[in-house]
Amino acid sequence: MKTYSTKNGESSVPESSDKDPKKSVSRPDLVWRLMLKAFAAACILAAALSFYLYMEIKRENIFGAVNGEKDSLSTASREKLEQALEILRAQDAAGKALEKNPPAVADPSR
């Protein structure tokens, strides 16, 4: 390691370690500059893509209406509500039947 001495020669200060001692890169400043430019380009690209997606979602071109329908909320029909109520009533009846007559199989969680 290269050292520098003061005028009287009593103390020596080692050379700073930020240089490339093995000389694996001939111009490290060019590498850092390239890395900085690549990072800046990636940030600009990410910002542009985010803005584009924001505008498309705002216009409802993406995640908007399905099959050309602009009204995303459809009204519930009487038949569909009755079917849902029948399913819920059947589940409630099955639950009450299980409460009155528990299964003979042992519960492994207990």
PDB file of N, CA and C in Angstrom:
ATOM      1  N   MET A   1       0.837  -1.159   0.000  1.00  0.00           N
ATOM      2  CA  MET A   1       0.000   0.000   0.000  1.00  0.00           C
ATOM      3  C   MET A   1       0.893   1.237   0.000  1.00  0.00           C
ATOM      4  N   LYS A   2       0.502   2.183  -0.791  1.00  0.00           N
ATOM      5  CA  LYS A   2       1.274   3.409  -0.929  1.00  0.00           C
ATOM      6  C   LYS A   2       0.963   4.328   0.256  1.00  0.00           C
ATOM      7  N   THR A   3       1.986   4.924   0.837  1.00  0.00           N
ATOM      8  CA  THR A   3       1.788   5.831   1.966  1.00  0.00           C
ATOM      9  C   THR A   3       2.420   7.176   1.659  1.00  0.00           C
ATOM     10  N   TYR A   4       1.885   8.196   2.294  1.00  0.00           N
ATOM     11  CA  TYR A   4       2.417   9.544   2.151  1.00  0.00           C
ATOM     12  C   TYR A   4       2.960   9.982   3.499  1.00  0.00           C
ATOM     13  N   SER A   5       4.100  10.623   3.497  1.00  0.00           N
ATOM     14  CA  SER A   5       4.680  11.071   4.763  1.00  0.00           C
ATOM     15  C   SER A   5       4.575  12.585   4.858  1.00  0.00           C
ATOM     16  N   THR A   6       4.585  13.086   6.084  1.00  0.00           N
ATOM     17  CA  THR A   6       4.542  14.524   6.313  1.00  0.00           C
ATOM     18  C   THR A   6       5.945  15.099   6.127  1.00  0.00           C
ATOM     19  N   LYS A   7       6.095  16.392   6.331  1.00  0.00           N
ATOM     20  CA  LYS A   7       7.382  17.059   6.108  1.00  0.00           C
ATOM     21  C   LYS A   7       8.480  16.497   6.995  1.00  0.00           C
ATOM     22  N   ASN A   8       8.173  16.263   8.249  1.00  0.00           N
ATOM     23  CA  ASN A   8       9.214  15.768   9.145  1.00  0.00           C
ATOM     24  C   ASN A   8       9.414  14.256   9.030  1.00  0.00           C
ATOM     25  N   GLY A   9       8.518  13.560   8.310  1.00  0.00           N
ATOM     26  CA  GLY A   9       8.703  12.146   8.060  1.00  0.00           C
ATOM     27  C   GLY A   9       8.338  11.251   9.209  1.00  0.00           C
ATOM     28  N   GLU A  10       7.758  11.800  10.286  1.00  0.00           N
ATOM     29  CA  GLU A  10       7.440  10.974  11.443  1.00  0.00           C
ATOM     30  C   GLU A  10       6.217  10.078  11.220  1.00  0.00           C
ATOM     31  N   SER A  11       5.174  10.574  10.607  1.00  0.00           N
ATOM     32  CA  SER A  11       3.954   9.779  10.441  1.00  0.00           C
ATOM     33  C   SER A  11       3.660   9.587   8.959  1.00  0.00           C
ATOM     34  N   SER A  12       3.018   8.519   8.698  1.00  0.00           N
ATOM     35  CA  SER A  12       2.627   8.265   7.312  1.00  0.00           C
ATOM     36  C   SER A  12       1.117   8.037   7.267  1.00  0.00           C
ATOM     37  N   VAL A  13       0.498   8.508   6.237  1.00  0.00           N
ATOM     38  CA  VAL A  13      -0.947   8.396   6.042  1.00  0.00           C
ATOM     39  C   VAL A  13      -1.163   7.480   4.850  1.00  0.00           C
ATOM     40  N   PRO A  14      -1.933   6.392   5.026  1.00  0.00           N
ATOM     41  CA  PRO A  14      -2.153   5.500   3.886  1.00  0.00           C
ATOM     42  C   PRO A  14      -3.019   6.159   2.819  1.00  0.00           C
ATOM     43  N   GLU A  15      -2.830   5.733   1.615  1.00  0.00           N
ATOM     44  CA  GLU A  15      -3.615   6.240   0.495  1.00  0.00           C
ATOM     45  C   GLU A  15      -5.065   5.823   0.677  1.00  0.00           C
ATOM     46  N   SER A  16      -5.983   6.639   0.216  1.00  0.00           N
ATOM     47  CA  SER A  16      -7.398   6.324   0.403  1.00  0.00           C
ATOM     48  C   SER A  16      -7.758   5.041  -0.341  1.00  0.00           C
ATOM     49  N   SER A  17      -8.722   4.327   0.203  1.00  0.00           N
ATOM     50  CA  SER A  17      -9.061   3.015  -0.341  1.00  0.00           C
ATOM     51  C   SER A  17     -10.174   3.062  -1.374  1.00  0.00           C
ATOM     52  N   ASP A  18     -10.553   4.254  -1.845  1.00  0.00           N
ATOM     53  CA  ASP A  18     -11.628   4.315  -2.820  1.00  0.00           C
ATOM     54  C   ASP A  18     -11.154   4.082  -4.243  1.00  0.00           C
ATOM     55  N   LYS A  19      -9.894   3.953  -4.457  1.00  0.00           N
ATOM     56  CA  LYS A  19      -9.372   3.681  -5.800  1.00  0.00           C
ATOM     57  C   LYS A  19      -9.380   2.187  -6.038  1.00  0.00           C
ATOM     58  N   ASP A  20      -9.277   1.791  -7.258  1.00  0.00           N
ATOM     59  CA  ASP A  20      -9.319   0.381  -7.640  1.00  0.00           C
ATOM     60  C   ASP A  20      -7.910  -0.192  -7.576  1.00  0.00           C
ATOM     61  N   PRO A  21      -7.528  -0.917  -6.486  1.00  0.00           N
ATOM     62  CA  PRO A  21      -6.142  -1.371  -6.347  1.00  0.00           C
ATOM     63  C   PRO A  21      -5.758  -2.443  -7.370  1.00  0.00           C
ATOM     64  N   LYS A  22      -6.723  -3.251  -7.807  1.00  0.00           N
ATOM     65  CA  LYS A  22      -6.402  -4.316  -8.765  1.00  0.00           C
ATOM     66  C   LYS A  22      -6.506  -3.847 -10.206  1.00  0.00           C
ATOM     67  N   LYS A  23      -6.962  -2.637 -10.396  1.00  0.00           N
ATOM     68  CA  LYS A  23      -7.148  -2.059 -11.734  1.00  0.00           C
ATOM     69  C   LYS A  23      -8.037  -2.959 -12.604  1.00  0.00           C
ATOM     70  N   SER A  24      -9.111  -3.497 -11.989  1.00  0.00           N
ATOM     71  CA  SER A  24     -10.021  -4.351 -12.736  1.00  0.00           C
ATOM     72  C   SER A  24     -10.897  -3.532 -13.683  1.00  0.00           C
ATOM     73  N   VAL A  25     -11.103  -2.258 -13.364  1.00  0.00           N
ATOM     74  CA  VAL A  25     -11.856  -1.368 -14.241  1.00  0.00           C
ATOM     75  C   VAL A  25     -10.952  -0.195 -14.566  1.00  0.00           C
ATOM     76  N   SER A  26     -10.747   0.050 -15.846  1.00  0.00           N
ATOM     77  CA  SER A  26      -9.817   1.105 -16.219  1.00  0.00           C
ATOM     78  C   SER A  26     -10.378   2.493 -15.918  1.00  0.00           C
ATOM     79  N   ARG A  27     -11.701   2.675 -16.089  1.00  0.00           N
ATOM     80  CA  ARG A  27     -12.310   3.983 -15.834  1.00  0.00           C
ATOM     81  C   ARG A  27     -13.556   3.805 -14.973  1.00  0.00           C
ATOM     82  N   PRO A  28     -13.404   3.719 -13.642  1.00  0.00           N
ATOM     83  CA  PRO A  28     -14.577   3.501 -12.792  1.00  0.00           C
ATOM     84  C   PRO A  28     -15.600   4.629 -12.886  1.00  0.00           C
ATOM     85  N   ASP A  29     -15.152   5.844 -13.192  1.00  0.00           N
ATOM     86  CA  ASP A  29     -16.099   6.948 -13.289  1.00  0.00           C
ATOM     87  C   ASP A  29     -17.084   6.724 -14.425  1.00  0.00           C
ATOM     88  N   LEU A  30     -16.650   6.077 -15.507  1.00  0.00           N
ATOM     89  CA  LEU A  30     -17.563   5.774 -16.609  1.00  0.00           C
ATOM     90  C   LEU A  30     -18.591   4.720 -16.194  1.00  0.00           C
ATOM     91  N   VAL A  31     -18.169   3.746 -15.381  1.00  0.00           N
ATOM     92  CA  VAL A  31     -19.084   2.709 -14.920  1.00  0.00           C
ATOM     93  C   VAL A  31     -20.151   3.330 -14.021  1.00  0.00           C
ATOM     94  N   TRP A  32     -19.741   4.190 -13.105  1.00  0.00           N
ATOM     95  CA  TRP A  32     -20.709   4.832 -12.217  1.00  0.00           C
ATOM     96  C   TRP A  32     -21.656   5.721 -12.999  1.00  0.00           C
ATOM     97  N   ARG A  33     -21.143   6.417 -13.984  1.00  0.00           N
ATOM     98  CA  ARG A  33     -21.979   7.282 -14.814  1.00  0.00           C
ATOM     99  C   ARG A  33     -23.007   6.443 -15.577  1.00  0.00           C
ATOM    100  N   LEU A  34     -22.570   5.309 -16.103  1.00  0.00           N
ATOM    101  CA  LEU A  34     -23.480   4.418 -16.824  1.00  0.00           C
ATOM    102  C   LEU A  34     -24.547   3.868 -15.874  1.00  0.00           C
ATOM    103  N   MET A  35     -24.156   3.493 -14.664  1.00  0.00           N
ATOM    104  CA  MET A  35     -25.128   2.988 -13.690  1.00  0.00           C
ATOM    105  C   MET A  35     -26.140   4.064 -13.314  1.00  0.00           C
ATOM    106  N   LEU A  36     -25.673   5.302 -13.152  1.00  0.00           N
ATOM    107  CA  LEU A  36     -26.566   6.402 -12.818  1.00  0.00           C
ATOM    108  C   LEU A  36     -27.556   6.661 -13.950  1.00  0.00           C
ATOM    109  N   LYS A  37     -27.082   6.648 -15.188  1.00  0.00           N
ATOM    110  CA  LYS A  37     -27.965   6.870 -16.335  1.00  0.00           C
ATOM    111  C   LYS A  37     -28.980   5.737 -16.473  1.00  0.00           C
ATOM    112  N   ALA A  38     -28.561   4.498 -16.238  1.00  0.00           N
ATOM    113  CA  ALA A  38     -29.480   3.366 -16.327  1.00  0.00           C
ATOM    114  C   ALA A  38     -30.548   3.464 -15.236  1.00  0.00           C
ATOM    115  N   PHE A  39     -30.168   3.840 -14.026  1.00  0.00           N
ATOM    116  CA  PHE A  39     -31.137   3.998 -12.933  1.00  0.00           C
ATOM    117  C   PHE A  39     -32.109   5.126 -13.241  1.00  0.00           C
ATOM    118  N   ALA A  40     -31.604   6.240 -13.756  1.00  0.00           N
ATOM    119  CA  ALA A  40     -32.481   7.362 -14.090  1.00  0.00           C
ATOM    120  C   ALA A  40     -33.457   6.967 -15.197  1.00  0.00           C
ATOM    121  N   ALA A  41     -32.983   6.241 -16.200  1.00  0.00           N
ATOM    122  CA  ALA A  41     -33.860   5.793 -17.280  1.00  0.00           C
ATOM    123  C   ALA A  41     -34.926   4.833 -16.751  1.00  0.00           C
ATOM    124  N   ALA A  42     -34.551   3.940 -15.841  1.00  0.00           N
ATOM    125  CA  ALA A  42     -35.518   3.004 -15.256  1.00  0.00           C
ATOM    126  C   ALA A  42     -36.573   3.757 -14.446  1.00  0.00           C
ATOM    127  N   CYS A  43     -36.163   4.781 -13.717  1.00  0.00           N
ATOM    128  CA  CYS A  43     -37.119   5.576 -12.936  1.00  0.00           C
ATOM    129  C   CYS A  43     -38.084   6.331 -13.850  1.00  0.00           C
ATOM    130  N   ILE A  44     -37.559   6.909 -14.912  1.00  0.00           N
ATOM    131  CA  ILE A  44     -38.417   7.639 -15.861  1.00  0.00           C
ATOM    132  C   ILE A  44     -39.384   6.681 -16.542  1.00  0.00           C
ATOM    133  N   LEU A  45     -38.902   5.515 -16.929  1.00  0.00           N
ATOM    134  CA  LEU A  45     -39.770   4.518 -17.561  1.00  0.00           C
ATOM    135  C   LEU A  45     -40.866   4.048 -16.612  1.00  0.00           C
ATOM    136  N   ALA A  46     -40.529   3.815 -15.352  1.00  0.00           N
ATOM    137  CA  ALA A  46     -41.525   3.388 -14.367  1.00  0.00           C
ATOM    138  C   ALA A  46     -42.568   4.482 -14.141  1.00  0.00           C
ATOM    139  N   ALA A  47     -42.133   5.723 -14.075  1.00  0.00           N
ATOM    140  CA  ALA A  47     -43.067   6.836 -13.882  1.00  0.00           C
ATOM    141  C   ALA A  47     -43.992   6.980 -15.092  1.00  0.00           C
ATOM    142  N   ALA A  48     -43.449   6.847 -16.290  1.00  0.00           N
ATOM    143  CA  ALA A  48     -44.261   6.960 -17.503  1.00  0.00           C
ATOM    144  C   ALA A  48     -45.282   5.831 -17.582  1.00  0.00           C
ATOM    145  N   LEU A  49     -44.872   4.619 -17.266  1.00  0.00           N
ATOM    146  CA  LEU A  49     -45.789   3.484 -17.296  1.00  0.00           C
ATOM    147  C   LEU A  49     -46.876   3.650 -16.238  1.00  0.00           C
ATOM    148  N   SER A  50     -46.528   4.123 -15.055  1.00  0.00           N
ATOM    149  CA  SER A  50     -47.513   4.346 -14.003  1.00  0.00           C
ATOM    150  C   SER A  50     -48.533   5.406 -14.418  1.00  0.00           C
ATOM    151  N   PHE A  51     -48.059   6.482 -15.025  1.00  0.00           N
ATOM    152  CA  PHE A  51     -48.962   7.537 -15.479  1.00  0.00           C
ATOM    153  C   PHE A  51     -49.883   7.023 -16.578  1.00  0.00           C
ATOM    154  N   TYR A  52     -49.342   6.225 -17.517  1.00  0.00           N
ATOM    155  CA  TYR A  52     -50.151   5.663 -18.597  1.00  0.00           C
ATOM    156  C   TYR A  52     -51.244   4.759 -18.033  1.00  0.00           C
ATOM    157  N   LEU A  53     -50.884   3.873 -17.102  1.00  0.00           N
ATOM    158  CA  LEU A  53     -51.876   2.980 -16.505  1.00  0.00           C
ATOM    159  C   LEU A  53     -52.921   3.769 -15.716  1.00  0.00           C
ATOM    160  N   TYR A  54     -52.493   4.803 -15.014  1.00  0.00           N
ATOM    161  CA  TYR A  54     -53.433   5.637 -14.270  1.00  0.00           C
ATOM    162  C   TYR A  54     -54.453   6.270 -15.214  1.00  0.00           C
ATOM    163  N   MET A  55     -53.988   6.810 -16.330  1.00  0.00           N
ATOM    164  CA  MET A  55     -54.896   7.460 -17.274  1.00  0.00           C
ATOM    165  C   MET A  55     -55.841   6.448 -17.918  1.00  0.00           C
ATOM    166  N   GLU A  56     -55.349   5.257 -18.255  1.00  0.00           N
ATOM    167  CA  GLU A  56     -56.200   4.244 -18.867  1.00  0.00           C
ATOM    168  C   GLU A  56     -57.258   3.744 -17.885  1.00  0.00           C
ATOM    169  N   ILE A  57     -56.896   3.581 -16.632  1.00  0.00           N
ATOM    170  CA  ILE A  57     -57.878   3.155 -15.632  1.00  0.00           C
ATOM    171  C   ILE A  57     -58.900   4.260 -15.386  1.00  0.00           C
ATOM    172  N   LYS A  58     -58.452   5.488 -15.401  1.00  0.00           N
ATOM    173  CA  LYS A  58     -59.363   6.613 -15.200  1.00  0.00           C
ATOM    174  C   LYS A  58     -60.381   6.695 -16.335  1.00  0.00           C
ATOM    175  N   ARG A  59     -59.954   6.402 -17.564  1.00  0.00           N
ATOM    176  CA  ARG A  59     -60.857   6.405 -18.719  1.00  0.00           C
ATOM    177  C   ARG A  59     -61.679   5.122 -18.815  1.00  0.00           C
ATOM    178  N   GLU A  60     -61.421   4.175 -17.914  1.00  0.00           N
ATOM    179  CA  GLU A  60     -62.088   2.878 -17.868  1.00  0.00           C
ATOM    180  C   GLU A  60     -61.799   2.037 -19.108  1.00  0.00           C
ATOM    181  N   ASN A  61     -60.637   2.235 -19.725  1.00  0.00           N
ATOM    182  CA  ASN A  61     -60.222   1.374 -20.819  1.00  0.00           C
ATOM    183  C   ASN A  61     -59.623   0.084 -20.282  1.00  0.00           C
ATOM    184  N   ILE A  62     -59.052   0.142 -19.096  1.00  0.00           N
ATOM    185  CA  ILE A  62     -58.506  -1.027 -18.423  1.00  0.00           C
ATOM    186  C   ILE A  62     -59.311  -1.209 -17.144  1.00  0.00           C
ATOM    187  N   PHE A  63     -59.697  -2.427 -16.843  1.00  0.00           N
ATOM    188  CA  PHE A  63     -60.490  -2.758 -15.659  1.00  0.00           C
ATOM    189  C   PHE A  63     -61.820  -2.023 -15.640  1.00  0.00           C
ATOM    190  N   GLY A  64     -62.279  -1.650 -16.795  1.00  0.00           N
ATOM    191  CA  GLY A  64     -63.549  -0.934 -16.861  1.00  0.00           C
ATOM    192  C   GLY A  64     -64.693  -1.879 -17.143  1.00  0.00           C
ATOM    193  N   ALA A  65     -65.557  -1.471 -18.047  1.00  0.00           N
ATOM    194  CA  ALA A  65     -66.738  -2.248 -18.365  1.00  0.00           C
ATOM    195  C   ALA A  65     -66.371  -3.532 -19.099  1.00  0.00           C
ATOM    196  N   VAL A  66     -67.132  -4.580 -18.814  1.00  0.00           N
ATOM    197  CA  VAL A  66     -66.925  -5.865 -19.463  1.00  0.00           C
ATOM    198  C   VAL A  66     -67.949  -5.997 -20.584  1.00  0.00           C
ATOM    199  N   ASN A  67     -67.509  -6.428 -21.756  1.00  0.00           N
ATOM    200  CA  ASN A  67     -68.371  -6.632 -22.924  1.00  0.00           C
ATOM    201  C   ASN A  67     -69.119  -5.362 -23.322  1.00  0.00           C
ATOM    202  N   GLY A  68     -68.496  -4.241 -23.174  1.00  0.00           N
ATOM    203  CA  GLY A  68     -69.081  -2.990 -23.614  1.00  0.00           C
ATOM    204  C   GLY A  68     -70.110  -2.407 -22.673  1.00  0.00           C
ATOM    205  N   GLU A  69     -70.369  -3.023 -21.543  1.00  0.00           N
ATOM    206  CA  GLU A  69     -71.325  -2.480 -20.591  1.00  0.00           C
ATOM    207  C   GLU A  69     -70.667  -1.362 -19.789  1.00  0.00           C
ATOM    208  N   LYS A  70     -71.302  -0.238 -19.751  1.00  0.00           N
ATOM    209  CA  LYS A  70     -70.769   0.869 -18.963  1.00  0.00           C
ATOM    210  C   LYS A  70     -71.268   0.825 -17.523  1.00  0.00           C
ATOM    211  N   ASP A  71     -72.418   0.178 -17.300  1.00  0.00           N
ATOM    212  CA  ASP A  71     -72.957   0.081 -15.948  1.00  0.00           C
ATOM    213  C   ASP A  71     -72.416  -1.179 -15.303  1.00  0.00           C
ATOM    214  N   SER A  72     -71.470  -1.015 -14.370  1.00  0.00           N
ATOM    215  CA  SER A  72     -70.847  -2.180 -13.750  1.00  0.00           C
ATOM    216  C   SER A  72     -71.747  -2.809 -12.695  1.00  0.00           C
ATOM    217  N   LEU A  73     -72.724  -2.051 -12.192  1.00  0.00           N
ATOM    218  CA  LEU A  73     -73.645  -2.583 -11.200  1.00  0.00           C
ATOM    219  C   LEU A  73     -74.929  -3.006 -11.901  1.00  0.00           C
ATOM    220  N   SER A  74     -75.191  -4.286 -11.903  1.00  0.00           N
ATOM    221  CA  SER A  74     -76.432  -4.763 -12.510  1.00  0.00           C
ATOM    222  C   SER A  74     -77.473  -4.937 -11.417  1.00  0.00           C
ATOM    223  N   THR A  75     -78.718  -4.742 -11.777  1.00  0.00           N
ATOM    224  CA  THR A  75     -79.778  -4.894 -10.789  1.00  0.00           C
ATOM    225  C   THR A  75     -80.044  -6.373 -10.549  1.00  0.00           C
ATOM    226  N   ALA A  76     -80.381  -6.701  -9.334  1.00  0.00           N
ATOM    227  CA  ALA A  76     -80.645  -8.088  -8.970  1.00  0.00           C
ATOM    228  C   ALA A  76     -82.076  -8.433  -9.360  1.00  0.00           C
ATOM    229  N   SER A  77     -82.228  -9.578  -9.974  1.00  0.00           N
ATOM    230  CA  SER A  77     -83.572 -10.009 -10.353  1.00  0.00           C
ATOM    231  C   SER A  77     -84.214 -10.753  -9.185  1.00  0.00           C
ATOM    232  N   ARG A  78     -85.512 -10.824  -9.214  1.00  0.00           N
ATOM    233  CA  ARG A  78     -86.266 -11.477  -8.154  1.00  0.00           C
ATOM    234  C   ARG A  78     -85.941 -12.967  -8.091  1.00  0.00           C
ATOM    235  N   GLU A  79     -85.748 -13.597  -9.261  1.00  0.00           N
ATOM    236  CA  GLU A  79     -85.467 -15.026  -9.309  1.00  0.00           C
ATOM    237  C   GLU A  79     -84.111 -15.353  -8.681  1.00  0.00           C
ATOM    238  N   LYS A  80     -83.109 -14.533  -8.975  1.00  0.00           N
ATOM    239  CA  LYS A  80     -81.771 -14.767  -8.412  1.00  0.00           C
ATOM    240  C   LYS A  80     -81.773 -14.597  -6.902  1.00  0.00           C
ATOM    241  N   LEU A  81     -82.529 -13.620  -6.402  1.00  0.00           N
ATOM    242  CA  LEU A  81     -82.612 -13.429  -4.960  1.00  0.00           C
ATOM    243  C   LEU A  81     -83.316 -14.603  -4.294  1.00  0.00           C
ATOM    244  N   GLU A  82     -84.362 -15.112  -4.916  1.00  0.00           N
ATOM    245  CA  GLU A  82     -85.070 -16.271  -4.360  1.00  0.00           C
ATOM    246  C   GLU A  82     -84.170 -17.498  -4.341  1.00  0.00           C
ATOM    247  N   GLN A  83     -83.357 -17.694  -5.392  1.00  0.00           N
ATOM    248  CA  GLN A  83     -82.426 -18.831  -5.420  1.00  0.00           C
ATOM    249  C   GLN A  83     -81.397 -18.717  -4.302  1.00  0.00           C
ATOM    250  N   ALA A  84     -80.902 -17.516  -4.094  1.00  0.00           N
ATOM    251  CA  ALA A  84     -79.913 -17.315  -3.035  1.00  0.00           C
ATOM    252  C   ALA A  84     -80.530 -17.570  -1.659  1.00  0.00           C
ATOM    253  N   LEU A  85     -81.757 -17.110  -1.464  1.00  0.00           N
ATOM    254  CA  LEU A  85     -82.439 -17.354  -0.190  1.00  0.00           C
ATOM    255  C   LEU A  85     -82.702 -18.835   0.037  1.00  0.00           C
ATOM    256  N   GLU A  86     -83.044 -19.582  -1.010  1.00  0.00           N
ATOM    257  CA  GLU A  86     -83.255 -21.021  -0.886  1.00  0.00           C
ATOM    258  C   GLU A  86     -81.966 -21.723  -0.463  1.00  0.00           C
ATOM    259  N   ILE A  87     -80.853 -21.327  -1.053  1.00  0.00           N
ATOM    260  CA  ILE A  87     -79.556 -21.928  -0.694  1.00  0.00           C
ATOM    261  C   ILE A  87     -79.219 -21.633   0.761  1.00  0.00           C
ATOM    262  N   LEU A  88     -79.445 -20.400   1.192  1.00  0.00           N
ATOM    263  CA  LEU A  88     -79.155 -20.033   2.572  1.00  0.00           C
ATOM    264  C   LEU A  88     -80.072 -20.766   3.556  1.00  0.00           C
ATOM    265  N   ARG A  89     -81.342 -20.910   3.191  1.00  0.00           N
ATOM    266  CA  ARG A  89     -82.265 -21.648   4.071  1.00  0.00           C
ATOM    267  C   ARG A  89     -81.854 -23.112   4.176  1.00  0.00           C
ATOM    268  N   ALA A  90     -81.419 -23.709   3.057  1.00  0.00           N
ATOM    269  CA  ALA A  90     -80.994 -25.108   3.077  1.00  0.00           C
ATOM    270  C   ALA A  90     -79.749 -25.274   3.941  1.00  0.00           C
ATOM    271  N   GLN A  91     -78.826 -24.337   3.858  1.00  0.00           N
ATOM    272  CA  GLN A  91     -77.621 -24.408   4.688  1.00  0.00           C
ATOM    273  C   GLN A  91     -77.975 -24.242   6.162  1.00  0.00           C
ATOM    274  N   ASP A  92     -78.904 -23.360   6.466  1.00  0.00           N
ATOM    275  CA  ASP A  92     -79.329 -23.158   7.848  1.00  0.00           C
ATOM    276  C   ASP A  92     -79.994 -24.420   8.391  1.00  0.00           C
ATOM    277  N   ALA A  93     -80.837 -25.051   7.586  1.00  0.00           N
ATOM    278  CA  ALA A  93     -81.499 -26.283   8.020  1.00  0.00           C
ATOM    279  C   ALA A  93     -80.474 -27.395   8.241  1.00  0.00           C
ATOM    280  N   ALA A  94     -79.486 -27.511   7.361  1.00  0.00           N
ATOM    281  CA  ALA A  94     -78.451 -28.530   7.531  1.00  0.00           C
ATOM    282  C   ALA A  94     -77.633 -28.257   8.789  1.00  0.00           C
ATOM    283  N   GLY A  95     -77.354 -27.018   9.084  1.00  0.00           N
ATOM    284  CA  GLY A  95     -76.606 -26.660  10.283  1.00  0.00           C
ATOM    285  C   GLY A  95     -77.378 -26.998  11.550  1.00  0.00           C
ATOM    286  N   LYS A  96     -78.690 -26.702  11.548  1.00  0.00           N
ATOM    287  CA  LYS A  96     -79.512 -27.029  12.721  1.00  0.00           C
ATOM    288  C   LYS A  96     -79.631 -28.533  12.906  1.00  0.00           C
ATOM    289  N   ALA A  97     -79.694 -29.287  11.799  1.00  0.00           N
ATOM    290  CA  ALA A  97     -79.766 -30.745  11.888  1.00  0.00           C
ATOM    291  C   ALA A  97     -78.472 -31.303  12.472  1.00  0.00           C
ATOM    292  N   LEU A  98     -77.343 -30.729  12.114  1.00  0.00           N
ATOM    293  CA  LEU A  98     -76.065 -31.182  12.672  1.00  0.00           C
ATOM    294  C   LEU A  98     -75.948 -30.838  14.153  1.00  0.00           C
ATOM    295  N   GLU A  99     -76.540 -29.726  14.571  1.00  0.00           N
ATOM    296  CA  GLU A  99     -76.516 -29.372  15.989  1.00  0.00           C
ATOM    297  C   GLU A  99     -77.337 -30.357  16.817  1.00  0.00           C
ATOM    298  N   LYS A 100     -78.505 -30.786  16.276  1.00  0.00           N
ATOM    299  CA  LYS A 100     -79.362 -31.718  17.010  1.00  0.00           C
ATOM    300  C   LYS A 100     -78.780 -33.130  17.007  1.00  0.00           C
ATOM    301  N   ASN A 101     -78.254 -33.561  15.871  1.00  0.00           N
ATOM    302  CA  ASN A 101     -77.695 -34.914  15.732  1.00  0.00           C
ATOM    303  C   ASN A 101     -76.228 -34.806  15.312  1.00  0.00           C
ATOM    304  N   PRO A 102     -75.295 -34.669  16.250  1.00  0.00           N
ATOM    305  CA  PRO A 102     -73.892 -34.529  15.863  1.00  0.00           C
ATOM    306  C   PRO A 102     -73.374 -35.806  15.215  1.00  0.00           C
ATOM    307  N   PRO A 103     -72.393 -35.700  14.310  1.00  0.00           N
ATOM    308  CA  PRO A 103     -71.858 -36.879  13.644  1.00  0.00           C
ATOM    309  C   PRO A 103     -71.104 -37.778  14.637  1.00  0.00           C
ATOM    310  N   ALA A 104     -71.037 -39.065  14.297  1.00  0.00           N
ATOM    311  CA  ALA A 104     -70.366 -40.036  15.176  1.00  0.00           C
ATOM    312  C   ALA A 104     -68.856 -39.990  15.049  1.00  0.00           C
ATOM    313  N   VAL A 105     -68.338 -39.308  14.065  1.00  0.00           N
ATOM    314  CA  VAL A 105     -66.899 -39.221  13.855  1.00  0.00           C
ATOM    315  C   VAL A 105     -66.297 -38.250  14.858  1.00  0.00           C
ATOM    316  N   ALA A 106     -65.189 -38.637  15.472  1.00  0.00           N
ATOM    317  CA  ALA A 106     -64.528 -37.775  16.450  1.00  0.00           C
ATOM    318  C   ALA A 106     -63.854 -36.601  15.761  1.00  0.00           C
ATOM    319  N   ASP A 107     -63.928 -35.476  16.398  1.00  0.00           N
ATOM    320  CA  ASP A 107     -63.288 -34.273  15.865  1.00  0.00           C
ATOM    321  C   ASP A 107     -61.800 -34.319  16.191  1.00  0.00           C
ATOM    322  N   PRO A 108     -60.902 -34.321  15.195  1.00  0.00           N
ATOM    323  CA  PRO A 108     -59.474 -34.431  15.478  1.00  0.00           C
ATOM    324  C   PRO A 108     -58.879 -33.158  16.093  1.00  0.00           C
ATOM    325  N   SER A 109     -59.593 -32.040  16.009  1.00  0.00           N
ATOM    326  CA  SER A 109     -59.044 -30.806  16.563  1.00  0.00           C
ATOM    327  C   SER A 109     -59.243 -30.705  18.071  1.00  0.00           C
ATOM    328  N   ARG A 110     -60.021 -31.620  18.658  1.00  0.00           N
ATOM    329  CA  ARG A 110     -60.268 -31.537  20.100  1.00  0.00           C
ATOM    330  C   ARG A 110     -59.472 -32.543  20.852  1.00  0.00           C
TER     331      ARG A 110
END
